[in-house]
Amino acid sequence: MGMIQTFEDLTIKGFDVKEGIRLCGDDEEIYMEVLWAAMEEGKEKIPLIRSVYDAKDWERYRIEVHGLKNAMKSIGATYLSQLAAEQEAAVKVENYSVMKVGVEEMLTQYQFVVDALKELLGES
C-alpha cells in the first residue's frame, strides 16, 4: 500500500479514527495534534520501554505500558492499546512469561504506529 495521506488511509492501517476523533471532542484539529504528540513521544518511548524492560525495572515498565495503553487508546490505535493493557496486567501479577512473549509484539506494533503517523504527518 502507498503512503498514508488521509484519515481513511490511517483507518486501513488499523486505526479507529472515528473513536480517536470522538475522544478528542469530535475535533479533527485536536485529533491531529494528539497524533503529532503520539508520534513524537513514540520516538523516545520505544527505546525507553525496551530499556526498562531489559533492566527488569518492573515498576517503571508498568508505568510506561500504562501510559502507552491510554495514549494509544486516545488516537484509536486499539490493538496496541490492548497489547499494552496485557503487559500492564502481566506486570501486576508478576507473570514474566506473558511479559516476555508480549513485549516484542507490543514494541513492534508501537513502531508500526509511529511509522504510520510519520507517513500521515509527512515525517517519513
PDB file of N, CA and C in Angstrom:
ATOM      1  N   MET A   1       0.842  -1.175   0.000  1.00  0.00           N
ATOM      2  CA  MET A   1       0.000   0.000   0.000  1.00  0.00           C
ATOM      3  C   MET A   1       0.891   1.243   0.000  1.00  0.00           C
ATOM      4  N   GLY A   2       0.370   2.319  -0.561  1.00  0.00           N
ATOM      5  CA  GLY A   2       1.127   3.553  -0.685  1.00  0.00           C
ATOM      6  C   GLY A   2       1.185   4.339   0.608  1.00  0.00           C
ATOM      7  N   MET A   3       1.591   5.559   0.450  1.00  0.00           N
ATOM      8  CA  MET A   3       1.738   6.467   1.588  1.00  0.00           C
ATOM      9  C   MET A   3       0.394   6.753   2.257  1.00  0.00           C
ATOM     10  N   ILE A   4       0.450   6.996   3.526  1.00  0.00           N
ATOM     11  CA  ILE A   4      -0.735   7.393   4.275  1.00  0.00           C
ATOM     12  C   ILE A   4      -0.878   8.898   4.118  1.00  0.00           C
ATOM     13  N   GLN A   5      -2.022   9.328   3.584  1.00  0.00           N
ATOM     14  CA  GLN A   5      -2.240  10.746   3.361  1.00  0.00           C
ATOM     15  C   GLN A   5      -3.543  11.249   3.966  1.00  0.00           C
ATOM     16  N   THR A   6      -4.425  10.333   4.301  1.00  0.00           N
ATOM     17  CA  THR A   6      -5.732  10.732   4.806  1.00  0.00           C
ATOM     18  C   THR A   6      -6.103   9.887   6.018  1.00  0.00           C
ATOM     19  N   PHE A   7      -7.154  10.323   6.710  1.00  0.00           N
ATOM     20  CA  PHE A   7      -7.669   9.515   7.813  1.00  0.00           C
ATOM     21  C   PHE A   7      -8.127   8.151   7.314  1.00  0.00           C
ATOM     22  N   GLU A   8      -8.656   8.092   6.094  1.00  0.00           N
ATOM     23  CA  GLU A   8      -9.084   6.807   5.539  1.00  0.00           C
ATOM     24  C   GLU A   8      -7.892   5.860   5.408  1.00  0.00           C
ATOM     25  N   ASP A   9      -6.750   6.403   4.960  1.00  0.00           N
ATOM     26  CA  ASP A   9      -5.541   5.573   4.875  1.00  0.00           C
ATOM     27  C   ASP A   9      -5.138   5.057   6.255  1.00  0.00           C
ATOM     28  N   LEU A  10      -5.295   5.907   7.271  1.00  0.00           N
ATOM     29  CA  LEU A  10      -4.969   5.518   8.640  1.00  0.00           C
ATOM     30  C   LEU A  10      -5.922   4.419   9.117  1.00  0.00           C
ATOM     31  N   THR A  11      -7.179   4.535   8.730  1.00  0.00           N
ATOM     32  CA  THR A  11      -8.168   3.503   9.075  1.00  0.00           C
ATOM     33  C   THR A  11      -7.776   2.166   8.447  1.00  0.00           C
ATOM     34  N   ILE A  12      -7.323   2.209   7.207  1.00  0.00           N
ATOM     35  CA  ILE A  12      -6.899   0.988   6.517  1.00  0.00           C
ATOM     36  C   ILE A  12      -5.723   0.341   7.259  1.00  0.00           C
ATOM     37  N   LYS A  13      -4.894   1.153   7.889  1.00  0.00           N
ATOM     38  CA  LYS A  13      -3.756   0.636   8.668  1.00  0.00           C
ATOM     39  C   LYS A  13      -4.178   0.086  10.035  1.00  0.00           C
ATOM     40  N   GLY A  14      -5.467   0.202  10.375  1.00  0.00           N
ATOM     41  CA  GLY A  14      -5.951  -0.403  11.611  1.00  0.00           C
ATOM     42  C   GLY A  14      -6.321   0.572  12.715  1.00  0.00           C
ATOM     43  N   PHE A  15      -6.206   1.856  12.461  1.00  0.00           N
ATOM     44  CA  PHE A  15      -6.592   2.844  13.468  1.00  0.00           C
ATOM     45  C   PHE A  15      -8.104   2.996  13.489  1.00  0.00           C
ATOM     46  N   ASP A  16      -8.657   3.170  14.669  1.00  0.00           N
ATOM     47  CA  ASP A  16     -10.069   3.506  14.814  1.00  0.00           C
ATOM     48  C   ASP A  16     -10.148   5.038  14.869  1.00  0.00           C
ATOM     49  N   VAL A  17     -10.071   5.641  13.695  1.00  0.00           N
ATOM     50  CA  VAL A  17     -10.006   7.095  13.587  1.00  0.00           C
ATOM     51  C   VAL A  17     -11.255   7.745  14.166  1.00  0.00           C
ATOM     52  N   LYS A  18     -12.414   7.170  13.894  1.00  0.00           N
ATOM     53  CA  LYS A  18     -13.660   7.753  14.422  1.00  0.00           C
ATOM     54  C   LYS A  18     -13.632   7.818  15.944  1.00  0.00           C
ATOM     55  N   GLU A  19     -13.142   6.755  16.581  1.00  0.00           N
ATOM     56  CA  GLU A  19     -13.059   6.738  18.040  1.00  0.00           C
ATOM     57  C   GLU A  19     -12.029   7.757  18.531  1.00  0.00           C
ATOM     58  N   GLY A  20     -10.903   7.838  17.854  1.00  0.00           N
ATOM     59  CA  GLY A  20      -9.894   8.815  18.228  1.00  0.00           C
ATOM     60  C   GLY A  20     -10.415  10.238  18.156  1.00  0.00           C
ATOM     61  N   ILE A  21     -11.127  10.542  17.081  1.00  0.00           N
ATOM     62  CA  ILE A  21     -11.713  11.879  16.935  1.00  0.00           C
ATOM     63  C   ILE A  21     -12.760  12.103  18.016  1.00  0.00           C
ATOM     64  N   ARG A  22     -13.562  11.083  18.288  1.00  0.00           N
ATOM     65  CA  ARG A  22     -14.586  11.207  19.329  1.00  0.00           C
ATOM     66  C   ARG A  22     -13.935  11.527  20.673  1.00  0.00           C
ATOM     67  N   LEU A  23     -12.844  10.842  20.985  1.00  0.00           N
ATOM     68  CA  LEU A  23     -12.157  11.066  22.249  1.00  0.00           C
ATOM     69  C   LEU A  23     -11.482  12.444  22.310  1.00  0.00           C
ATOM     70  N   CYS A  24     -11.359  13.078  21.164  1.00  0.00           N
ATOM     71  CA  CYS A  24     -10.793  14.441  21.097  1.00  0.00           C
ATOM     72  C   CYS A  24     -11.906  15.477  20.947  1.00  0.00           C
ATOM     73  N   GLY A  25     -13.065  15.169  21.497  1.00  0.00           N
ATOM     74  CA  GLY A  25     -14.178  16.109  21.476  1.00  0.00           C
ATOM     75  C   GLY A  25     -14.745  16.333  20.096  1.00  0.00           C
ATOM     76  N   ASP A  26     -14.634  15.323  19.232  1.00  0.00           N
ATOM     77  CA  ASP A  26     -15.103  15.405  17.846  1.00  0.00           C
ATOM     78  C   ASP A  26     -14.436  16.540  17.077  1.00  0.00           C
ATOM     79  N   ASP A  27     -13.199  16.841  17.430  1.00  0.00           N
ATOM     80  CA  ASP A  27     -12.453  17.932  16.801  1.00  0.00           C
ATOM     81  C   ASP A  27     -11.255  17.343  16.053  1.00  0.00           C
ATOM     82  N   GLU A  28     -11.311  17.347  14.719  1.00  0.00           N
ATOM     83  CA  GLU A  28     -10.248  16.754  13.908  1.00  0.00           C
ATOM     84  C   GLU A  28      -8.914  17.476  14.106  1.00  0.00           C
ATOM     85  N   GLU A  29      -8.947  18.777  14.337  1.00  0.00           N
ATOM     86  CA  GLU A  29      -7.710  19.530  14.544  1.00  0.00           C
ATOM     87  C   GLU A  29      -7.016  19.072  15.834  1.00  0.00           C
ATOM     88  N   ILE A  30      -7.800  18.893  16.893  1.00  0.00           N
ATOM     89  CA  ILE A  30      -7.229  18.388  18.144  1.00  0.00           C
ATOM     90  C   ILE A  30      -6.703  16.970  17.933  1.00  0.00           C
ATOM     91  N   TYR A  31      -7.453  16.152  17.197  1.00  0.00           N
ATOM     92  CA  TYR A  31      -7.007  14.785  16.895  1.00  0.00           C
ATOM     93  C   TYR A  31      -5.650  14.814  16.192  1.00  0.00           C
ATOM     94  N   MET A  32      -5.487  15.705  15.223  1.00  0.00           N
ATOM     95  CA  MET A  32      -4.207  15.814  14.521  1.00  0.00           C
ATOM     96  C   MET A  32      -3.088  16.201  15.488  1.00  0.00           C
ATOM     97  N   GLU A  33      -3.378  17.095  16.424  1.00  0.00           N
ATOM     98  CA  GLU A  33      -2.385  17.492  17.419  1.00  0.00           C
ATOM     99  C   GLU A  33      -2.006  16.307  18.309  1.00  0.00           C
ATOM    100  N   VAL A  34      -2.997  15.508  18.669  1.00  0.00           N
ATOM    101  CA  VAL A  34      -2.746  14.332  19.508  1.00  0.00           C
ATOM    102  C   VAL A  34      -1.938  13.292  18.721  1.00  0.00           C
ATOM    103  N   LEU A  35      -2.250  13.135  17.432  1.00  0.00           N
ATOM    104  CA  LEU A  35      -1.468  12.219  16.592  1.00  0.00           C
ATOM    105  C   LEU A  35      -0.010  12.671  16.533  1.00  0.00           C
ATOM    106  N   TRP A  36       0.183  13.967  16.345  1.00  0.00           N
ATOM    107  CA  TRP A  36       1.549  14.506  16.277  1.00  0.00           C
ATOM    108  C   TRP A  36       2.297  14.224  17.591  1.00  0.00           C
ATOM    109  N   ALA A  37       1.639  14.498  18.698  1.00  0.00           N
ATOM    110  CA  ALA A  37       2.261  14.265  20.010  1.00  0.00           C
ATOM    111  C   ALA A  37       2.587  12.785  20.197  1.00  0.00           C
ATOM    112  N   ALA A  38       1.679  11.901  19.769  1.00  0.00           N
ATOM    113  CA  ALA A  38       1.909  10.457  19.899  1.00  0.00           C
ATOM    114  C   ALA A  38       3.113  10.022  19.066  1.00  0.00           C
ATOM    115  N   MET A  39       3.249  10.592  17.871  1.00  0.00           N
ATOM    116  CA  MET A  39       4.385  10.265  17.015  1.00  0.00           C
ATOM    117  C   MET A  39       5.696  10.717  17.674  1.00  0.00           C
ATOM    118  N   GLU A  40       5.720  11.953  18.136  1.00  0.00           N
ATOM    119  CA  GLU A  40       6.935  12.482  18.761  1.00  0.00           C
ATOM    120  C   GLU A  40       7.303  11.695  20.017  1.00  0.00           C
ATOM    121  N   GLU A  41       6.300  11.398  20.833  1.00  0.00           N
ATOM    122  CA  GLU A  41       6.545  10.652  22.061  1.00  0.00           C
ATOM    123  C   GLU A  41       7.052   9.247  21.769  1.00  0.00           C
ATOM    124  N   GLY A  42       6.496   8.633  20.739  1.00  0.00           N
ATOM    125  CA  GLY A  42       6.898   7.270  20.392  1.00  0.00           C
ATOM    126  C   GLY A  42       8.364   7.143  20.047  1.00  0.00           C
ATOM    127  N   LYS A  43       8.922   8.180  19.432  1.00  0.00           N
ATOM    128  CA  LYS A  43      10.340   8.160  19.066  1.00  0.00           C
ATOM    129  C   LYS A  43      11.211   7.963  20.307  1.00  0.00           C
ATOM    130  N   GLU A  44      10.774   8.513  21.432  1.00  0.00           N
ATOM    131  CA  GLU A  44      11.531   8.393  22.682  1.00  0.00           C
ATOM    132  C   GLU A  44      11.093   7.189  23.518  1.00  0.00           C
ATOM    133  N   LYS A  45       9.802   6.892  23.474  1.00  0.00           N
ATOM    134  CA  LYS A  45       9.264   5.865  24.369  1.00  0.00           C
ATOM    135  C   LYS A  45       9.630   4.446  23.956  1.00  0.00           C
ATOM    136  N   ILE A  46       9.768   4.186  22.669  1.00  0.00           N
ATOM    137  CA  ILE A  46      10.101   2.821  22.248  1.00  0.00           C
ATOM    138  C   ILE A  46      11.428   2.380  22.864  1.00  0.00           C
ATOM    139  N   PRO A  47      12.508   3.151  22.691  1.00  0.00           N
ATOM    140  CA  PRO A  47      13.762   2.706  23.337  1.00  0.00           C
ATOM    141  C   PRO A  47      13.695   2.737  24.862  1.00  0.00           C
ATOM    142  N   LEU A  48      12.932   3.670  25.425  1.00  0.00           N
ATOM    143  CA  LEU A  48      12.795   3.733  26.885  1.00  0.00           C
ATOM    144  C   LEU A  48      12.102   2.480  27.416  1.00  0.00           C
ATOM    145  N   ILE A  49      10.994   2.098  26.798  1.00  0.00           N
ATOM    146  CA  ILE A  49      10.266   0.906  27.245  1.00  0.00           C
ATOM    147  C   ILE A  49      11.153  -0.320  27.124  1.00  0.00           C
ATOM    148  N   ARG A  50      11.883  -0.421  26.015  1.00  0.00           N
ATOM    149  CA  ARG A  50      12.785  -1.565  25.844  1.00  0.00           C
ATOM    150  C   ARG A  50      13.849  -1.580  26.942  1.00  0.00           C
ATOM    151  N   SER A  51      14.404  -0.419  27.260  1.00  0.00           N
ATOM    152  CA  SER A  51      15.479  -0.390  28.262  1.00  0.00           C
ATOM    153  C   SER A  51      14.972  -0.714  29.665  1.00  0.00           C
ATOM    154  N   VAL A  52      13.790  -0.210  30.046  1.00  0.00           N
ATOM    155  CA  VAL A  52      13.296  -0.544  31.389  1.00  0.00           C
ATOM    156  C   VAL A  52      12.881  -2.009  31.465  1.00  0.00           C
ATOM    157  N   TYR A  53      12.391  -2.562  30.340  1.00  0.00           N
ATOM    158  CA  TYR A  53      12.081  -3.992  30.322  1.00  0.00           C
ATOM    159  C   TYR A  53      13.377  -4.798  30.482  1.00  0.00           C
ATOM    160  N   ASP A  54      14.385  -4.463  29.685  1.00  0.00           N
ATOM    161  CA  ASP A  54      15.658  -5.187  29.751  1.00  0.00           C
ATOM    162  C   ASP A  54      16.311  -5.075  31.125  1.00  0.00           C
ATOM    163  N   ALA A  55      16.111  -3.941  31.788  1.00  0.00           N
ATOM    164  CA  ALA A  55      16.674  -3.735  33.130  1.00  0.00           C
ATOM    165  C   ALA A  55      15.837  -4.408  34.221  1.00  0.00           C
ATOM    166  N   LYS A  56      14.700  -4.975  33.817  1.00  0.00           N
ATOM    167  CA  LYS A  56      13.770  -5.622  34.751  1.00  0.00           C
ATOM    168  C   LYS A  56      13.278  -4.645  35.829  1.00  0.00           C
ATOM    169  N   ASP A  57      13.125  -3.390  35.426  1.00  0.00           N
ATOM    170  CA  ASP A  57      12.566  -2.354  36.296  1.00  0.00           C
ATOM    171  C   ASP A  57      11.054  -2.421  36.130  1.00  0.00           C
ATOM    172  N   TRP A  58      10.440  -3.382  36.822  1.00  0.00           N
ATOM    173  CA  TRP A  58       9.039  -3.712  36.582  1.00  0.00           C
ATOM    174  C   TRP A  58       8.082  -2.586  36.955  1.00  0.00           C
ATOM    175  N   GLU A  59       8.391  -1.829  37.986  1.00  0.00           N
ATOM    176  CA  GLU A  59       7.509  -0.723  38.353  1.00  0.00           C
ATOM    177  C   GLU A  59       7.511   0.344  37.250  1.00  0.00           C
ATOM    178  N   ARG A  60       8.685   0.687  36.776  1.00  0.00           N
ATOM    179  CA  ARG A  60       8.762   1.684  35.691  1.00  0.00           C
ATOM    180  C   ARG A  60       8.141   1.133  34.413  1.00  0.00           C
ATOM    181  N   TYR A  61       8.356  -0.148  34.139  1.00  0.00           N
ATOM    182  CA  TYR A  61       7.760  -0.782  32.959  1.00  0.00           C
ATOM    183  C   TYR A  61       6.238  -0.703  33.044  1.00  0.00           C
ATOM    184  N   ARG A  62       5.698  -0.996  34.224  1.00  0.00           N
ATOM    185  CA  ARG A  62       4.240  -0.926  34.411  1.00  0.00           C
ATOM    186  C   ARG A  62       3.735   0.490  34.146  1.00  0.00           C
ATOM    187  N   ILE A  63       4.433   1.476  34.651  1.00  0.00           N
ATOM    188  CA  ILE A  63       4.038   2.872  34.452  1.00  0.00           C
ATOM    189  C   ILE A  63       4.071   3.231  32.963  1.00  0.00           C
ATOM    190  N   GLU A  64       5.122   2.802  32.291  1.00  0.00           N
ATOM    191  CA  GLU A  64       5.267   3.122  30.867  1.00  0.00           C
ATOM    192  C   GLU A  64       4.193   2.439  30.016  1.00  0.00           C
ATOM    193  N   VAL A  65       3.918   1.165  30.272  1.00  0.00           N
ATOM    194  CA  VAL A  65       2.903   0.493  29.458  1.00  0.00           C
ATOM    195  C   VAL A  65       1.500   0.993  29.803  1.00  0.00           C
ATOM    196  N   HIS A  66       1.293   1.422  31.043  1.00  0.00           N
ATOM    197  CA  HIS A  66       0.010   2.034  31.410  1.00  0.00           C
ATOM    198  C   HIS A  66      -0.203   3.316  30.592  1.00  0.00           C
ATOM    199  N   GLY A  67       0.828   4.147  30.530  1.00  0.00           N
ATOM    200  CA  GLY A  67       0.738   5.373  29.738  1.00  0.00           C
ATOM    201  C   GLY A  67       0.551   5.085  28.257  1.00  0.00           C
ATOM    202  N   LEU A  68       1.250   4.082  27.760  1.00  0.00           N
ATOM    203  CA  LEU A  68       1.116   3.688  26.361  1.00  0.00           C
ATOM    204  C   LEU A  68      -0.305   3.231  26.062  1.00  0.00           C
ATOM    205  N   LYS A  69      -0.855   2.436  26.960  1.00  0.00           N
ATOM    206  CA  LYS A  69      -2.229   1.945  26.794  1.00  0.00           C
ATOM    207  C   LYS A  69      -3.196   3.107  26.612  1.00  0.00           C
ATOM    208  N   ASN A  70      -3.099   4.090  27.467  1.00  0.00           N
ATOM    209  CA  ASN A  70      -4.018   5.231  27.409  1.00  0.00           C
ATOM    210  C   ASN A  70      -3.756   6.125  26.201  1.00  0.00           C
ATOM    211  N   ALA A  71      -2.489   6.374  25.903  1.00  0.00           N
ATOM    212  CA  ALA A  71      -2.147   7.231  24.762  1.00  0.00           C
ATOM    213  C   ALA A  71      -2.622   6.611  23.451  1.00  0.00           C
ATOM    214  N   MET A  72      -2.439   5.323  23.306  1.00  0.00           N
ATOM    215  CA  MET A  72      -2.833   4.676  22.061  1.00  0.00           C
ATOM    216  C   MET A  72      -4.356   4.574  21.932  1.00  0.00           C
ATOM    217  N   LYS A  73      -5.022   4.406  23.058  1.00  0.00           N
ATOM    218  CA  LYS A  73      -6.482   4.410  23.014  1.00  0.00           C
ATOM    219  C   LYS A  73      -6.982   5.767  22.530  1.00  0.00           C
ATOM    220  N   SER A  74      -6.318   6.838  22.954  1.00  0.00           N
ATOM    221  CA  SER A  74      -6.776   8.185  22.607  1.00  0.00           C
ATOM    222  C   SER A  74      -6.616   8.512  21.128  1.00  0.00           C
ATOM    223  N   ILE A  75      -5.762   7.778  20.412  1.00  0.00           N
ATOM    224  CA  ILE A  75      -5.621   8.031  18.979  1.00  0.00           C
ATOM    225  C   ILE A  75      -6.297   6.955  18.130  1.00  0.00           C
ATOM    226  N   GLY A  76      -6.914   5.995  18.784  1.00  0.00           N
ATOM    227  CA  GLY A  76      -7.595   4.940  18.048  1.00  0.00           C
ATOM    228  C   GLY A  76      -6.685   3.797  17.635  1.00  0.00           C
ATOM    229  N   ALA A  77      -5.497   3.701  18.238  1.00  0.00           N
ATOM    230  CA  ALA A  77      -4.592   2.576  17.982  1.00  0.00           C
ATOM    231  C   ALA A  77      -4.986   1.457  18.955  1.00  0.00           C
ATOM    232  N   THR A  78      -6.143   0.902  18.715  1.00  0.00           N
ATOM    233  CA  THR A  78      -6.793  -0.023  19.643  1.00  0.00           C
ATOM    234  C   THR A  78      -5.976  -1.283  19.895  1.00  0.00           C
ATOM    235  N   TYR A  79      -5.414  -1.857  18.848  1.00  0.00           N
ATOM    236  CA  TYR A  79      -4.665  -3.097  19.014  1.00  0.00           C
ATOM    237  C   TYR A  79      -3.450  -2.876  19.915  1.00  0.00           C
ATOM    238  N   LEU A  80      -2.716  -1.799  19.666  1.00  0.00           N
ATOM    239  CA  LEU A  80      -1.555  -1.503  20.504  1.00  0.00           C
ATOM    240  C   LEU A  80      -1.986  -1.216  21.939  1.00  0.00           C
ATOM    241  N   SER A  81      -3.087  -0.518  22.106  1.00  0.00           N
ATOM    242  CA  SER A  81      -3.612  -0.253  23.448  1.00  0.00           C
ATOM    243  C   SER A  81      -3.910  -1.559  24.179  1.00  0.00           C
ATOM    244  N   GLN A  82      -4.478  -2.519  23.460  1.00  0.00           N
ATOM    245  CA  GLN A  82      -4.787  -3.821  24.058  1.00  0.00           C
ATOM    246  C   GLN A  82      -3.510  -4.577  24.435  1.00  0.00           C
ATOM    247  N   LEU A  83      -2.506  -4.517  23.561  1.00  0.00           N
ATOM    248  CA  LEU A  83      -1.236  -5.181  23.874  1.00  0.00           C
ATOM    249  C   LEU A  83      -0.607  -4.574  25.122  1.00  0.00           C
ATOM    250  N   ALA A  84      -0.644  -3.249  25.231  1.00  0.00           N
ATOM    251  CA  ALA A  84      -0.092  -2.581  26.405  1.00  0.00           C
ATOM    252  C   ALA A  84      -0.879  -2.953  27.660  1.00  0.00           C
ATOM    253  N   ALA A  85      -2.204  -3.060  27.538  1.00  0.00           N
ATOM    254  CA  ALA A  85      -3.039  -3.457  28.676  1.00  0.00           C
ATOM    255  C   ALA A  85      -2.665  -4.862  29.146  1.00  0.00           C
ATOM    256  N   GLU A  86      -2.395  -5.759  28.198  1.00  0.00           N
ATOM    257  CA  GLU A  86      -1.984  -7.119  28.555  1.00  0.00           C
ATOM    258  C   GLU A  86      -0.652  -7.107  29.291  1.00  0.00           C
ATOM    259  N   GLN A  87       0.273  -6.275  28.842  1.00  0.00           N
ATOM    260  CA  GLN A  87       1.565  -6.170  29.519  1.00  0.00           C
ATOM    261  C   GLN A  87       1.391  -5.590  30.919  1.00  0.00           C
ATOM    262  N   GLU A  88       0.561  -4.566  31.039  1.00  0.00           N
ATOM    263  CA  GLU A  88       0.314  -3.963  32.346  1.00  0.00           C
ATOM    264  C   GLU A  88      -0.267  -4.988  33.322  1.00  0.00           C
ATOM    265  N   ALA A  89      -1.233  -5.760  32.847  1.00  0.00           N
ATOM    266  CA  ALA A  89      -1.845  -6.781  33.704  1.00  0.00           C
ATOM    267  C   ALA A  89      -0.818  -7.837  34.098  1.00  0.00           C
ATOM    268  N   ALA A  90       0.041  -8.216  33.158  1.00  0.00           N
ATOM    269  CA  ALA A  90       1.060  -9.227  33.448  1.00  0.00           C
ATOM    270  C   ALA A  90       2.054  -8.735  34.501  1.00  0.00           C
ATOM    271  N   VAL A  91       2.435  -7.467  34.422  1.00  0.00           N
ATOM    272  CA  VAL A  91       3.357  -6.910  35.415  1.00  0.00           C
ATOM    273  C   VAL A  91       2.718  -6.953  36.796  1.00  0.00           C
ATOM    274  N   LYS A  92       1.458  -6.574  36.867  1.00  0.00           N
ATOM    275  CA  LYS A  92       0.774  -6.500  38.166  1.00  0.00           C
ATOM    276  C   LYS A  92       0.748  -7.839  38.884  1.00  0.00           C
ATOM    277  N   VAL A  93       0.651  -8.935  38.118  1.00  0.00           N
ATOM    278  CA  VAL A  93       0.609 -10.265  38.746  1.00  0.00           C
ATOM    279  C   VAL A  93       1.947 -11.004  38.620  1.00  0.00           C
ATOM    280  N   GLU A  94       2.975 -10.271  38.179  1.00  0.00           N
ATOM    281  CA  GLU A  94       4.318 -10.821  38.030  1.00  0.00           C
ATOM    282  C   GLU A  94       4.354 -12.052  37.128  1.00  0.00           C
ATOM    283  N   ASN A  95       3.599 -11.982  36.025  1.00  0.00           N
ATOM    284  CA  ASN A  95       3.580 -13.078  35.057  1.00  0.00           C
ATOM    285  C   ASN A  95       4.639 -12.790  33.994  1.00  0.00           C
ATOM    286  N   TYR A  96       5.868 -13.145  34.292  1.00  0.00           N
ATOM    287  CA  TYR A  96       7.006 -12.812  33.447  1.00  0.00           C
ATOM    288  C   TYR A  96       6.969 -13.530  32.110  1.00  0.00           C
ATOM    289  N   SER A  97       6.371 -14.703  32.042  1.00  0.00           N
ATOM    290  CA  SER A  97       6.305 -15.411  30.763  1.00  0.00           C
ATOM    291  C   SER A  97       5.389 -14.668  29.790  1.00  0.00           C
ATOM    292  N   VAL A  98       4.276 -14.135  30.261  1.00  0.00           N
ATOM    293  CA  VAL A  98       3.389 -13.342  29.395  1.00  0.00           C
ATOM    294  C   VAL A  98       4.104 -12.067  28.955  1.00  0.00           C
ATOM    295  N   MET A  99       4.830 -11.456  29.878  1.00  0.00           N
ATOM    296  CA  MET A  99       5.575 -10.250  29.538  1.00  0.00           C
ATOM    297  C   MET A  99       6.614 -10.558  28.461  1.00  0.00           C
ATOM    298  N   LYS A 100       7.346 -11.642  28.629  1.00  0.00           N
ATOM    299  CA  LYS A 100       8.401 -12.000  27.684  1.00  0.00           C
ATOM    300  C   LYS A 100       7.831 -12.264  26.294  1.00  0.00           C
ATOM    301  N   VAL A 101       6.710 -12.958  26.237  1.00  0.00           N
ATOM    302  CA  VAL A 101       6.084 -13.270  24.951  1.00  0.00           C
ATOM    303  C   VAL A 101       5.519 -12.004  24.301  1.00  0.00           C
ATOM    304  N   GLY A 102       4.975 -11.100  25.093  1.00  0.00           N
ATOM    305  CA  GLY A 102       4.254  -9.954  24.538  1.00  0.00           C
ATOM    306  C   GLY A 102       5.047  -8.700  24.292  1.00  0.00           C
ATOM    307  N   VAL A 103       6.203  -8.548  24.930  1.00  0.00           N
ATOM    308  CA  VAL A 103       6.922  -7.275  24.835  1.00  0.00           C
ATOM    309  C   VAL A 103       7.366  -6.972  23.406  1.00  0.00           C
ATOM    310  N   GLU A 104       7.877  -7.952  22.698  1.00  0.00           N
ATOM    311  CA  GLU A 104       8.355  -7.693  21.335  1.00  0.00           C
ATOM    312  C   GLU A 104       7.211  -7.351  20.397  1.00  0.00           C
ATOM    313  N   GLU A 105       6.095  -8.064  20.509  1.00  0.00           N
ATOM    314  CA  GLU A 105       4.940  -7.751  19.666  1.00  0.00           C
ATOM    315  C   GLU A 105       4.454  -6.340  19.951  1.00  0.00           C
ATOM    316  N   MET A 106       4.414  -5.965  21.228  1.00  0.00           N
ATOM    317  CA  MET A 106       3.964  -4.627  21.595  1.00  0.00           C
ATOM    318  C   MET A 106       4.898  -3.565  21.016  1.00  0.00           C
ATOM    319  N   LEU A 107       6.205  -3.753  21.163  1.00  0.00           N
ATOM    320  CA  LEU A 107       7.152  -2.760  20.660  1.00  0.00           C
ATOM    321  C   LEU A 107       7.170  -2.704  19.134  1.00  0.00           C
ATOM    322  N   THR A 108       6.999  -3.847  18.486  1.00  0.00           N
ATOM    323  CA  THR A 108       6.909  -3.879  17.026  1.00  0.00           C
ATOM    324  C   THR A 108       5.671  -3.122  16.560  1.00  0.00           C
ATOM    325  N   GLN A 109       4.557  -3.349  17.237  1.00  0.00           N
ATOM    326  CA  GLN A 109       3.320  -2.655  16.897  1.00  0.00           C
ATOM    327  C   GLN A 109       3.453  -1.153  17.178  1.00  0.00           C
ATOM    328  N   TYR A 110       4.138  -0.798  18.241  1.00  0.00           N
ATOM    329  CA  TYR A 110       4.355   0.609  18.566  1.00  0.00           C
ATOM    330  C   TYR A 110       5.158   1.269  17.438  1.00  0.00           C
ATOM    331  N   GLN A 111       6.197   0.599  16.948  1.00  0.00           N
ATOM    332  CA  GLN A 111       6.991   1.148  15.839  1.00  0.00           C
ATOM    333  C   GLN A 111       6.130   1.295  14.591  1.00  0.00           C
ATOM    334  N   PHE A 112       5.260   0.321  14.344  1.00  0.00           N
ATOM    335  CA  PHE A 112       4.337   0.393  13.207  1.00  0.00           C
ATOM    336  C   PHE A 112       3.456   1.635  13.318  1.00  0.00           C
ATOM    337  N   VAL A 113       2.928   1.893  14.506  1.00  0.00           N
ATOM    338  CA  VAL A 113       2.069   3.059  14.731  1.00  0.00           C
ATOM    339  C   VAL A 113       2.857   4.349  14.500  1.00  0.00           C
ATOM    340  N   VAL A 114       4.047   4.432  15.061  1.00  0.00           N
ATOM    341  CA  VAL A 114       4.870   5.633  14.884  1.00  0.00           C
ATOM    342  C   VAL A 114       5.191   5.842  13.402  1.00  0.00           C
ATOM    343  N   ASP A 115       5.545   4.771  12.706  1.00  0.00           N
ATOM    344  CA  ASP A 115       5.858   4.886  11.280  1.00  0.00           C
ATOM    345  C   ASP A 115       4.638   5.328  10.474  1.00  0.00           C
ATOM    346  N   ALA A 116       3.465   4.804  10.806  1.00  0.00           N
ATOM    347  CA  ALA A 116       2.233   5.209  10.116  1.00  0.00           C
ATOM    348  C   ALA A 116       1.962   6.695  10.355  1.00  0.00           C
ATOM    349  N   LEU A 117       2.183   7.147  11.576  1.00  0.00           N
ATOM    350  CA  LEU A 117       1.969   8.559  11.880  1.00  0.00           C
ATOM    351  C   LEU A 117       2.997   9.439  11.163  1.00  0.00           C
ATOM    352  N   LYS A 118       4.224   8.971  11.049  1.00  0.00           N
ATOM    353  CA  LYS A 118       5.237   9.723  10.301  1.00  0.00           C
ATOM    354  C   LYS A 118       4.799   9.899   8.843  1.00  0.00           C
ATOM    355  N   GLU A 119       4.253   8.830   8.259  1.00  0.00           N
ATOM    356  CA  GLU A 119       3.764   8.925   6.889  1.00  0.00           C
ATOM    357  C   GLU A 119       2.631   9.941   6.779  1.00  0.00           C
ATOM    358  N   LEU A 120       1.654   9.816   7.669  1.00  0.00           N
ATOM    359  CA  LEU A 120       0.499  10.708   7.626  1.00  0.00           C
ATOM    360  C   LEU A 120       0.905  12.163   7.811  1.00  0.00           C
ATOM    361  N   LEU A 121       1.837  12.389   8.714  1.00  0.00           N
ATOM    362  CA  LEU A 121       2.211  13.751   9.079  1.00  0.00           C
ATOM    363  C   LEU A 121       3.404  14.274   8.289  1.00  0.00           C
ATOM    364  N   GLY A 122       3.852  13.496   7.304  1.00  0.00           N
ATOM    365  CA  GLY A 122       4.905  13.957   6.421  1.00  0.00           C
ATOM    366  C   GLY A 122       6.298  13.950   7.022  1.00  0.00           C
ATOM    367  N   GLU A 123       6.569  13.012   7.910  1.00  0.00           N
ATOM    368  CA  GLU A 123       7.885  12.925   8.541  1.00  0.00           C
ATOM    369  C   GLU A 123       8.678  11.709   8.072  1.00  0.00           C
ATOM    370  N   SER A 124       8.268  11.090   6.987  1.00  0.00           N
ATOM    371  CA  SER A 124       8.923   9.849   6.533  1.00  0.00           C
ATOM    372  C   SER A 124      10.362  10.043   6.160  1.00  0.00           C
TER     373      SER A 124
END
